[in-house]
Amino acid sequence: MPLCRELRKKDILGENVCRYTVWAKESASSEIIVYLSFFLTYRSIFLSFFLSFFLSFFLPIYLFIDLSLFSFSLSIYLSIYLSIYLSMFSLFISIYLSTIHLSIYLSIYLSIYLSTGPYEDNRPNNVNYAFFLSFFLSFFLSFFLSFHLSIYLFIDLSLFSIYLSIHWAMCP
């Protein structure tokens, strides 16, 4: 992902017609930050998916099998309660992790994109505005996406674990 480029087009007389410059000094460090935040974003999405899948599917089924030796109604109640409670906990963790990492990644990328323009004169004035604007936009966008993804995973996996626990209770 080359962030350090300078493109010049010359007309017939040899004068510069179009000039697009990205900071040469900060390009290497911003590339490293962008790649690192990109890796952290996908790692947090994978961890949140694994947590929501494990906590809302395998753990209530294991508890149901263990507790069904003692009582039928207690095991159904606890499996439903724990699947809902633990899924909400994994929902909170997935929203927190994916929102923070995705907003950092998008804010760095959008601030580099918005603060570099075709003219060098207005570039330093756009840096702070572009960073804050891109941070808020990316924060709300990533919160919206991760919230709806986590809600979908919570509803899907908790209903499936409830269905399996009731099915195994009815048909031993």
N, C-alpha and C. Protein backbone atom coordinates (compact mmCIF):
# COMPACT_ATOMS: atom_id res chain seq x y z
N MET A 1 0.85 -1.17 0.00
CA MET A 1 0.00 0.00 0.00
C MET A 1 0.89 1.23 0.00
N PRO A 2 1.25 1.73 -1.12
CA PRO A 2 2.17 2.87 -1.17
C PRO A 2 1.48 4.15 -0.75
N LEU A 3 1.98 4.74 0.33
CA LEU A 3 1.42 6.00 0.79
C LEU A 3 2.30 7.19 0.41
N CYS A 4 3.49 6.92 -0.05
CA CYS A 4 4.43 7.99 -0.37
C CYS A 4 4.59 8.06 -1.88
N ARG A 5 3.83 8.92 -2.50
CA ARG A 5 3.89 9.07 -3.95
C ARG A 5 3.80 10.54 -4.33
N GLU A 6 4.49 10.90 -5.38
CA GLU A 6 4.38 12.25 -5.92
C GLU A 6 4.19 12.12 -7.42
N LEU A 7 3.09 12.63 -7.90
CA LEU A 7 2.72 12.47 -9.30
C LEU A 7 2.68 13.83 -9.95
N ARG A 8 3.40 13.98 -11.02
CA ARG A 8 3.43 15.26 -11.72
C ARG A 8 3.13 15.04 -13.19
N LYS A 9 2.24 15.85 -13.70
CA LYS A 9 1.96 15.84 -15.14
C LYS A 9 2.42 17.17 -15.71
N LYS A 10 3.08 17.10 -16.82
CA LYS A 10 3.58 18.32 -17.43
C LYS A 10 2.89 18.54 -18.77
N ASP A 11 2.62 19.79 -19.03
CA ASP A 11 2.02 20.09 -20.33
C ASP A 11 3.13 20.26 -21.38
N ILE A 12 2.78 20.81 -22.49
CA ILE A 12 3.74 20.93 -23.60
C ILE A 12 4.89 21.86 -23.23
N LEU A 13 4.61 22.91 -22.44
CA LEU A 13 5.65 23.87 -22.09
C LEU A 13 6.53 23.39 -20.93
N GLY A 14 6.16 22.30 -20.26
CA GLY A 14 6.97 21.78 -19.17
C GLY A 14 6.55 22.27 -17.81
N GLU A 15 5.41 22.92 -17.67
CA GLU A 15 4.95 23.40 -16.37
C GLU A 15 4.10 22.33 -15.70
N ASN A 16 4.09 22.39 -14.37
CA ASN A 16 3.30 21.42 -13.61
C ASN A 16 1.82 21.75 -13.71
N VAL A 17 1.04 20.79 -14.16
CA VAL A 17 -0.40 20.99 -14.28
C VAL A 17 -1.12 20.43 -13.07
N CYS A 18 -0.81 19.21 -12.71
CA CYS A 18 -1.49 18.56 -11.59
C CYS A 18 -0.43 18.00 -10.66
N ARG A 19 -0.60 18.21 -9.38
CA ARG A 19 0.38 17.75 -8.41
C ARG A 19 -0.35 17.16 -7.22
N TYR A 20 -0.01 15.94 -6.91
CA TYR A 20 -0.63 15.25 -5.77
C TYR A 20 0.49 14.73 -4.89
N THR A 21 0.53 15.16 -3.64
CA THR A 21 1.64 14.81 -2.76
C THR A 21 1.10 14.21 -1.47
N VAL A 22 1.69 13.13 -1.05
CA VAL A 22 1.42 12.55 0.26
C VAL A 22 2.70 12.71 1.05
N TRP A 23 2.57 12.94 2.37
CA TRP A 23 3.74 13.24 3.19
C TRP A 23 4.80 12.17 3.03
N ALA A 24 6.00 12.58 2.74
CA ALA A 24 7.08 11.62 2.53
C ALA A 24 7.70 11.19 3.86
N LYS A 25 7.75 12.10 4.82
CA LYS A 25 8.42 11.79 6.08
C LYS A 25 7.60 10.83 6.93
N GLU A 26 6.28 10.99 6.94
CA GLU A 26 5.44 10.21 7.84
C GLU A 26 4.80 9.02 7.15
N SER A 27 5.18 8.74 5.92
CA SER A 27 4.49 7.67 5.20
C SER A 27 4.85 6.30 5.74
N ALA A 28 6.12 6.09 6.11
CA ALA A 28 6.52 4.77 6.60
C ALA A 28 5.87 4.46 7.93
N SER A 29 5.85 5.43 8.84
CA SER A 29 5.22 5.18 10.14
C SER A 29 3.72 5.03 10.01
N SER A 30 3.08 5.79 9.11
CA SER A 30 1.64 5.62 8.95
C SER A 30 1.29 4.30 8.28
N GLU A 31 2.15 3.80 7.41
CA GLU A 31 1.90 2.47 6.84
C GLU A 31 1.95 1.41 7.91
N ILE A 32 2.92 1.49 8.81
CA ILE A 32 3.04 0.52 9.89
C ILE A 32 1.82 0.59 10.81
N ILE A 33 1.38 1.81 11.13
CA ILE A 33 0.21 1.96 12.01
C ILE A 33 -1.05 1.43 11.34
N VAL A 34 -1.19 1.69 10.05
CA VAL A 34 -2.38 1.21 9.33
C VAL A 34 -2.39 -0.31 9.27
N TYR A 35 -1.24 -0.93 8.97
CA TYR A 35 -1.19 -2.39 8.91
C TYR A 35 -1.42 -3.00 10.29
N LEU A 36 -0.86 -2.39 11.32
CA LEU A 36 -1.04 -2.91 12.67
C LEU A 36 -2.49 -2.80 13.12
N SER A 37 -3.12 -1.68 12.86
CA SER A 37 -4.52 -1.54 13.25
C SER A 37 -5.43 -2.43 12.41
N PHE A 38 -5.05 -2.67 11.15
CA PHE A 38 -5.80 -3.61 10.31
C PHE A 38 -5.73 -5.02 10.89
N PHE A 39 -4.54 -5.43 11.34
CA PHE A 39 -4.37 -6.74 11.96
C PHE A 39 -5.15 -6.84 13.26
N LEU A 40 -5.10 -5.78 14.09
CA LEU A 40 -5.83 -5.80 15.35
C LEU A 40 -7.33 -5.82 15.14
N THR A 41 -7.80 -5.17 14.09
CA THR A 41 -9.24 -5.19 13.80
C THR A 41 -9.71 -6.59 13.48
N TYR A 42 -9.01 -7.27 12.59
CA TYR A 42 -9.45 -8.62 12.24
C TYR A 42 -9.23 -9.60 13.37
N ARG A 43 -8.21 -9.38 14.18
CA ARG A 43 -8.02 -10.24 15.35
C ARG A 43 -9.14 -10.06 16.35
N SER A 44 -9.59 -8.82 16.57
CA SER A 44 -10.68 -8.60 17.52
C SER A 44 -12.00 -9.13 17.01
N ILE A 45 -12.23 -9.04 15.68
CA ILE A 45 -13.46 -9.61 15.13
C ILE A 45 -13.45 -11.14 15.27
N PHE A 46 -12.30 -11.76 15.03
CA PHE A 46 -12.20 -13.21 15.21
C PHE A 46 -12.39 -13.60 16.67
N LEU A 47 -11.77 -12.86 17.59
CA LEU A 47 -11.93 -13.17 19.00
C LEU A 47 -13.36 -12.98 19.47
N SER A 48 -14.02 -11.93 19.02
CA SER A 48 -15.40 -11.71 19.43
C SER A 48 -16.33 -12.79 18.87
N PHE A 49 -16.07 -13.22 17.63
CA PHE A 49 -16.87 -14.30 17.06
C PHE A 49 -16.64 -15.60 17.83
N PHE A 50 -15.39 -15.90 18.17
CA PHE A 50 -15.09 -17.11 18.92
C PHE A 50 -15.71 -17.06 20.31
N LEU A 51 -15.62 -15.91 20.97
CA LEU A 51 -16.22 -15.79 22.30
C LEU A 51 -17.73 -15.94 22.26
N SER A 52 -18.37 -15.27 21.32
CA SER A 52 -19.82 -15.37 21.26
C SER A 52 -20.27 -16.78 20.88
N PHE A 53 -19.51 -17.44 20.01
CA PHE A 53 -19.86 -18.80 19.63
C PHE A 53 -19.65 -19.76 20.79
N PHE A 54 -18.53 -19.65 21.47
CA PHE A 54 -18.23 -20.57 22.56
C PHE A 54 -19.14 -20.34 23.75
N LEU A 55 -19.29 -19.08 24.15
CA LEU A 55 -20.06 -18.80 25.35
C LEU A 55 -21.55 -19.05 25.17
N SER A 56 -22.07 -18.81 23.99
CA SER A 56 -23.51 -18.97 23.82
C SER A 56 -23.92 -20.34 23.27
N PHE A 57 -22.97 -21.15 22.86
CA PHE A 57 -23.34 -22.45 22.28
C PHE A 57 -22.81 -23.62 23.11
N PHE A 58 -21.50 -23.72 23.27
CA PHE A 58 -20.93 -24.90 23.90
C PHE A 58 -21.11 -24.92 25.41
N LEU A 59 -20.95 -23.79 26.04
CA LEU A 59 -21.03 -23.78 27.50
C LEU A 59 -22.43 -24.09 28.02
N PRO A 60 -23.52 -23.50 27.49
CA PRO A 60 -24.85 -23.90 27.98
C PRO A 60 -25.20 -25.35 27.68
N ILE A 61 -24.73 -25.89 26.56
CA ILE A 61 -25.01 -27.30 26.26
C ILE A 61 -24.27 -28.20 27.25
N TYR A 62 -23.03 -27.86 27.55
CA TYR A 62 -22.28 -28.64 28.54
C TYR A 62 -22.94 -28.56 29.91
N LEU A 63 -23.34 -27.36 30.30
CA LEU A 63 -24.02 -27.21 31.58
C LEU A 63 -25.37 -27.93 31.59
N PHE A 64 -26.05 -27.93 30.47
CA PHE A 64 -27.32 -28.64 30.40
C PHE A 64 -27.13 -30.15 30.59
N ILE A 65 -26.12 -30.71 29.93
CA ILE A 65 -25.86 -32.15 30.06
C ILE A 65 -25.45 -32.48 31.49
N ASP A 66 -24.66 -31.62 32.08
CA ASP A 66 -24.21 -31.86 33.45
C ASP A 66 -25.36 -31.71 34.44
N LEU A 67 -26.16 -30.67 34.27
CA LEU A 67 -27.22 -30.41 35.23
C LEU A 67 -28.48 -31.24 34.99
N SER A 68 -28.61 -31.86 33.84
CA SER A 68 -29.81 -32.67 33.59
C SER A 68 -29.83 -33.94 34.42
N LEU A 69 -28.69 -34.31 34.97
CA LEU A 69 -28.66 -35.44 35.89
C LEU A 69 -29.40 -35.12 37.18
N PHE A 70 -29.48 -33.85 37.54
CA PHE A 70 -30.13 -33.46 38.79
C PHE A 70 -31.60 -33.12 38.60
N SER A 71 -31.90 -32.27 37.64
CA SER A 71 -33.28 -31.83 37.50
C SER A 71 -33.54 -31.40 36.07
N PHE A 72 -34.72 -31.73 35.57
CA PHE A 72 -35.09 -31.38 34.21
C PHE A 72 -35.38 -29.90 34.09
N SER A 73 -36.21 -29.36 34.95
CA SER A 73 -36.60 -27.95 34.84
C SER A 73 -35.45 -27.01 35.20
N LEU A 74 -34.64 -27.42 36.17
CA LEU A 74 -33.51 -26.58 36.55
C LEU A 74 -32.49 -26.48 35.42
N SER A 75 -32.27 -27.57 34.72
CA SER A 75 -31.30 -27.54 33.63
C SER A 75 -31.78 -26.69 32.46
N ILE A 76 -33.08 -26.78 32.13
CA ILE A 76 -33.60 -25.94 31.05
C ILE A 76 -33.52 -24.47 31.44
N TYR A 77 -33.91 -24.17 32.68
CA TYR A 77 -33.88 -22.77 33.12
C TYR A 77 -32.46 -22.23 33.11
N LEU A 78 -31.53 -22.99 33.65
CA LEU A 78 -30.15 -22.50 33.72
C LEU A 78 -29.50 -22.42 32.34
N SER A 79 -29.81 -23.35 31.47
CA SER A 79 -29.20 -23.28 30.13
C SER A 79 -29.72 -22.07 29.35
N ILE A 80 -31.02 -21.80 29.47
CA ILE A 80 -31.57 -20.61 28.80
C ILE A 80 -31.01 -19.34 29.42
N TYR A 81 -30.99 -19.29 30.74
CA TYR A 81 -30.50 -18.09 31.42
C TYR A 81 -29.02 -17.84 31.13
N LEU A 82 -28.23 -18.89 31.21
CA LEU A 82 -26.79 -18.71 30.99
C LEU A 82 -26.47 -18.41 29.53
N SER A 83 -27.22 -18.99 28.61
CA SER A 83 -26.95 -18.67 27.20
C SER A 83 -27.27 -17.21 26.90
N ILE A 84 -28.35 -16.70 27.47
CA ILE A 84 -28.68 -15.29 27.26
C ILE A 84 -27.68 -14.38 27.96
N TYR A 85 -27.34 -14.70 29.19
CA TYR A 85 -26.43 -13.86 29.96
C TYR A 85 -25.03 -13.85 29.35
N LEU A 86 -24.51 -15.01 29.01
CA LEU A 86 -23.17 -15.07 28.46
C LEU A 86 -23.10 -14.53 27.04
N SER A 87 -24.19 -14.65 26.30
CA SER A 87 -24.20 -14.04 24.97
C SER A 87 -24.20 -12.52 25.05
N MET A 88 -24.89 -11.98 26.04
CA MET A 88 -24.86 -10.53 26.21
C MET A 88 -23.47 -10.06 26.64
N PHE A 89 -22.80 -10.86 27.44
CA PHE A 89 -21.43 -10.52 27.84
C PHE A 89 -20.49 -10.55 26.64
N SER A 90 -20.61 -11.57 25.80
CA SER A 90 -19.77 -11.63 24.60
C SER A 90 -20.16 -10.55 23.60
N LEU A 91 -21.43 -10.16 23.61
CA LEU A 91 -21.86 -9.03 22.77
C LEU A 91 -21.16 -7.75 23.18
N PHE A 92 -21.08 -7.50 24.48
CA PHE A 92 -20.39 -6.31 24.97
C PHE A 92 -18.91 -6.34 24.62
N ILE A 93 -18.28 -7.48 24.79
CA ILE A 93 -16.85 -7.59 24.48
C ILE A 93 -16.60 -7.39 22.99
N SER A 94 -17.44 -7.99 22.15
CA SER A 94 -17.23 -7.86 20.71
C SER A 94 -17.47 -6.43 20.23
N ILE A 95 -18.47 -5.75 20.80
CA ILE A 95 -18.70 -4.35 20.43
C ILE A 95 -17.52 -3.50 20.85
N TYR A 96 -17.02 -3.72 22.05
CA TYR A 96 -15.91 -2.92 22.56
C TYR A 96 -14.65 -3.11 21.71
N LEU A 97 -14.27 -4.36 21.49
CA LEU A 97 -13.03 -4.63 20.76
C LEU A 97 -13.10 -4.19 19.30
N SER A 98 -14.16 -4.59 18.62
CA SER A 98 -14.21 -4.27 17.19
C SER A 98 -14.43 -2.79 16.94
N THR A 99 -15.14 -2.10 17.84
CA THR A 99 -15.35 -0.67 17.66
C THR A 99 -14.05 0.10 17.83
N ILE A 100 -13.29 -0.23 18.85
CA ILE A 100 -12.06 0.51 19.11
C ILE A 100 -11.04 0.27 17.99
N HIS A 101 -10.81 -0.99 17.63
CA HIS A 101 -9.79 -1.27 16.62
C HIS A 101 -10.20 -0.78 15.24
N LEU A 102 -11.46 -0.97 14.90
CA LEU A 102 -11.91 -0.53 13.59
C LEU A 102 -11.93 0.98 13.48
N SER A 103 -12.29 1.67 14.57
CA SER A 103 -12.30 3.13 14.51
C SER A 103 -10.89 3.70 14.44
N ILE A 104 -9.94 3.06 15.10
CA ILE A 104 -8.55 3.52 15.00
C ILE A 104 -8.03 3.33 13.57
N TYR A 105 -8.31 2.17 13.01
CA TYR A 105 -7.86 1.90 11.64
C TYR A 105 -8.48 2.86 10.64
N LEU A 106 -9.79 3.04 10.73
CA LEU A 106 -10.46 3.91 9.76
C LEU A 106 -10.10 5.38 9.96
N SER A 107 -9.89 5.78 11.21
CA SER A 107 -9.54 7.18 11.43
C SER A 107 -8.15 7.51 10.90
N ILE A 108 -7.21 6.59 11.04
CA ILE A 108 -5.88 6.83 10.48
C ILE A 108 -5.94 6.87 8.96
N TYR A 109 -6.66 5.92 8.39
CA TYR A 109 -6.73 5.87 6.94
C TYR A 109 -7.46 7.08 6.37
N LEU A 110 -8.59 7.46 6.99
CA LEU A 110 -9.34 8.59 6.47
C LEU A 110 -8.65 9.92 6.72
N SER A 111 -7.91 10.02 7.83
CA SER A 111 -7.20 11.27 8.07
C SER A 111 -6.06 11.46 7.08
N ILE A 112 -5.40 10.37 6.70
CA ILE A 112 -4.37 10.48 5.66
C ILE A 112 -5.01 10.85 4.32
N TYR A 113 -6.17 10.25 4.06
CA TYR A 113 -6.84 10.51 2.78
C TYR A 113 -7.39 11.93 2.72
N LEU A 114 -8.00 12.41 3.82
CA LEU A 114 -8.64 13.72 3.78
C LEU A 114 -7.66 14.88 3.93
N SER A 115 -6.56 14.63 4.64
CA SER A 115 -5.65 15.74 4.89
C SER A 115 -4.68 15.99 3.76
N THR A 116 -4.59 15.09 2.81
CA THR A 116 -3.72 15.31 1.65
C THR A 116 -4.57 15.77 0.49
N GLY A 117 -4.20 16.86 -0.06
CA GLY A 117 -4.98 17.41 -1.16
C GLY A 117 -4.10 17.71 -2.34
N PRO A 118 -4.68 18.26 -3.39
CA PRO A 118 -3.88 18.58 -4.57
C PRO A 118 -2.98 19.79 -4.37
N TYR A 119 -3.20 20.56 -3.31
CA TYR A 119 -2.37 21.75 -3.09
C TYR A 119 -1.65 21.62 -1.76
N GLU A 120 -0.41 22.06 -1.73
CA GLU A 120 0.37 21.95 -0.50
C GLU A 120 0.00 23.03 0.50
N ASP A 121 -0.59 24.13 0.06
CA ASP A 121 -0.85 25.25 0.97
C ASP A 121 -1.92 24.92 2.00
N ASN A 122 -2.94 24.20 1.62
CA ASN A 122 -4.02 23.94 2.58
C ASN A 122 -3.87 22.59 3.28
N ARG A 123 -2.79 21.87 3.06
CA ARG A 123 -2.62 20.57 3.70
C ARG A 123 -2.43 20.66 5.21
N PRO A 124 -1.58 21.52 5.78
CA PRO A 124 -1.44 21.55 7.24
C PRO A 124 -2.71 22.01 7.96
N ASN A 125 -3.55 22.80 7.32
CA ASN A 125 -4.78 23.24 7.97
C ASN A 125 -5.82 22.14 8.05
N ASN A 126 -5.72 21.15 7.19
CA ASN A 126 -6.73 20.10 7.14
C ASN A 126 -6.42 18.91 8.04
N VAL A 127 -5.24 18.88 8.66
CA VAL A 127 -4.82 17.67 9.37
C VAL A 127 -5.69 17.41 10.58
N ASN A 128 -5.86 18.40 11.46
CA ASN A 128 -6.65 18.19 12.67
C ASN A 128 -8.12 17.97 12.36
N TYR A 129 -8.64 18.76 11.45
CA TYR A 129 -10.05 18.62 11.08
C TYR A 129 -10.32 17.25 10.46
N ALA A 130 -9.41 16.81 9.60
CA ALA A 130 -9.61 15.52 8.94
C ALA A 130 -9.49 14.37 9.93
N PHE A 131 -8.56 14.48 10.89
CA PHE A 131 -8.41 13.40 11.86
C PHE A 131 -9.64 13.27 12.74
N PHE A 132 -10.13 14.39 13.29
CA PHE A 132 -11.29 14.31 14.18
C PHE A 132 -12.56 13.91 13.42
N LEU A 133 -12.72 14.44 12.22
CA LEU A 133 -13.89 14.06 11.43
C LEU A 133 -13.86 12.58 11.08
N SER A 134 -12.71 12.10 10.65
CA SER A 134 -12.62 10.69 10.29
C SER A 134 -12.72 9.78 11.51
N PHE A 135 -12.22 10.24 12.67
CA PHE A 135 -12.33 9.42 13.88
C PHE A 135 -13.79 9.26 14.28
N PHE A 136 -14.56 10.35 14.29
CA PHE A 136 -15.97 10.24 14.68
C PHE A 136 -16.78 9.45 13.66
N LEU A 137 -16.51 9.69 12.38
CA LEU A 137 -17.23 8.93 11.35
C LEU A 137 -16.93 7.44 11.45
N SER A 138 -15.66 7.11 11.60
CA SER A 138 -15.30 5.70 11.67
C SER A 138 -15.76 5.05 12.97
N PHE A 139 -15.78 5.83 14.07
CA PHE A 139 -16.26 5.27 15.33
C PHE A 139 -17.73 4.90 15.23
N PHE A 140 -18.55 5.80 14.70
CA PHE A 140 -19.98 5.49 14.58
C PHE A 140 -20.24 4.39 13.56
N LEU A 141 -19.48 4.40 12.48
CA LEU A 141 -19.66 3.35 11.47
C LEU A 141 -19.28 1.98 12.02
N SER A 142 -18.14 1.90 12.70
CA SER A 142 -17.72 0.61 13.24
C SER A 142 -18.61 0.17 14.39
N PHE A 143 -19.11 1.12 15.19
CA PHE A 143 -20.04 0.76 16.26
C PHE A 143 -21.33 0.20 15.67
N PHE A 144 -21.82 0.83 14.61
CA PHE A 144 -23.05 0.38 13.97
C PHE A 144 -22.88 -1.03 13.40
N LEU A 145 -21.76 -1.26 12.69
CA LEU A 145 -21.54 -2.56 12.08
C LEU A 145 -21.33 -3.65 13.12
N SER A 146 -20.50 -3.38 14.13
CA SER A 146 -20.23 -4.41 15.13
C SER A 146 -21.43 -4.68 16.01
N PHE A 147 -22.25 -3.65 16.27
CA PHE A 147 -23.45 -3.84 17.08
C PHE A 147 -24.43 -4.76 16.37
N HIS A 148 -24.66 -4.51 15.09
CA HIS A 148 -25.62 -5.34 14.36
C HIS A 148 -25.09 -6.75 14.12
N LEU A 149 -23.79 -6.87 13.91
CA LEU A 149 -23.21 -8.20 13.76
C LEU A 149 -23.31 -9.00 15.05
N SER A 150 -23.06 -8.35 16.18
CA SER A 150 -23.12 -9.04 17.46
C SER A 150 -24.56 -9.38 17.84
N ILE A 151 -25.50 -8.50 17.52
CA ILE A 151 -26.91 -8.81 17.78
C ILE A 151 -27.34 -10.03 16.96
N TYR A 152 -26.91 -10.07 15.72
CA TYR A 152 -27.26 -11.22 14.87
C TYR A 152 -26.66 -12.51 15.42
N LEU A 153 -25.39 -12.47 15.83
CA LEU A 153 -24.76 -13.66 16.40
C LEU A 153 -25.42 -14.07 17.70
N PHE A 154 -25.78 -13.09 18.52
CA PHE A 154 -26.43 -13.40 19.80
C PHE A 154 -27.77 -14.09 19.58
N ILE A 155 -28.60 -13.55 18.69
CA ILE A 155 -29.93 -14.12 18.45
C ILE A 155 -29.81 -15.51 17.83
N ASP A 156 -28.93 -15.63 16.86
CA ASP A 156 -28.80 -16.90 16.15
C ASP A 156 -28.27 -18.00 17.05
N LEU A 157 -27.17 -17.73 17.75
CA LEU A 157 -26.53 -18.78 18.54
C LEU A 157 -27.29 -19.10 19.82
N SER A 158 -27.89 -18.10 20.45
CA SER A 158 -28.63 -18.39 21.68
C SER A 158 -29.91 -19.17 21.38
N LEU A 159 -30.59 -18.83 20.28
CA LEU A 159 -31.79 -19.59 19.93
C LEU A 159 -31.44 -21.02 19.52
N PHE A 160 -30.31 -21.19 18.86
CA PHE A 160 -29.91 -22.54 18.48
C PHE A 160 -29.54 -23.38 19.70
N SER A 161 -28.85 -22.77 20.67
CA SER A 161 -28.50 -23.53 21.87
C SER A 161 -29.73 -23.83 22.72
N ILE A 162 -30.70 -22.91 22.75
CA ILE A 162 -31.95 -23.18 23.47
C ILE A 162 -32.71 -24.32 22.79
N TYR A 163 -32.75 -24.29 21.47
CA TYR A 163 -33.43 -25.35 20.73
C TYR A 163 -32.78 -26.71 20.99
N LEU A 164 -31.46 -26.76 20.97
CA LEU A 164 -30.78 -28.03 21.21
C LEU A 164 -30.97 -28.53 22.63
N SER A 165 -30.95 -27.61 23.59
CA SER A 165 -31.13 -28.04 24.98
C SER A 165 -32.53 -28.58 25.22
N ILE A 166 -33.54 -27.93 24.64
CA ILE A 166 -34.92 -28.43 24.79
C ILE A 166 -35.10 -29.74 24.02
N HIS A 167 -34.49 -29.84 22.85
CA HIS A 167 -34.61 -31.07 22.06
C HIS A 167 -33.95 -32.24 22.77
N TRP A 168 -32.78 -32.02 23.36
CA TRP A 168 -32.12 -33.10 24.08
C TRP A 168 -32.85 -33.45 25.37
N ALA A 169 -33.54 -32.47 25.96
CA ALA A 169 -34.30 -32.76 27.18
C ALA A 169 -35.55 -33.58 26.86
N MET A 170 -36.18 -33.30 25.73
CA MET A 170 -37.39 -34.03 25.36
C MET A 170 -37.07 -35.43 24.83
N CYS A 171 -35.96 -35.56 24.12
CA CYS A 171 -35.61 -36.86 23.52
C CYS A 171 -34.27 -37.33 24.07
N PRO A 172 -34.26 -37.99 25.21
CA PRO A 172 -32.98 -38.43 25.79
C PRO A 172 -32.37 -39.59 25.02
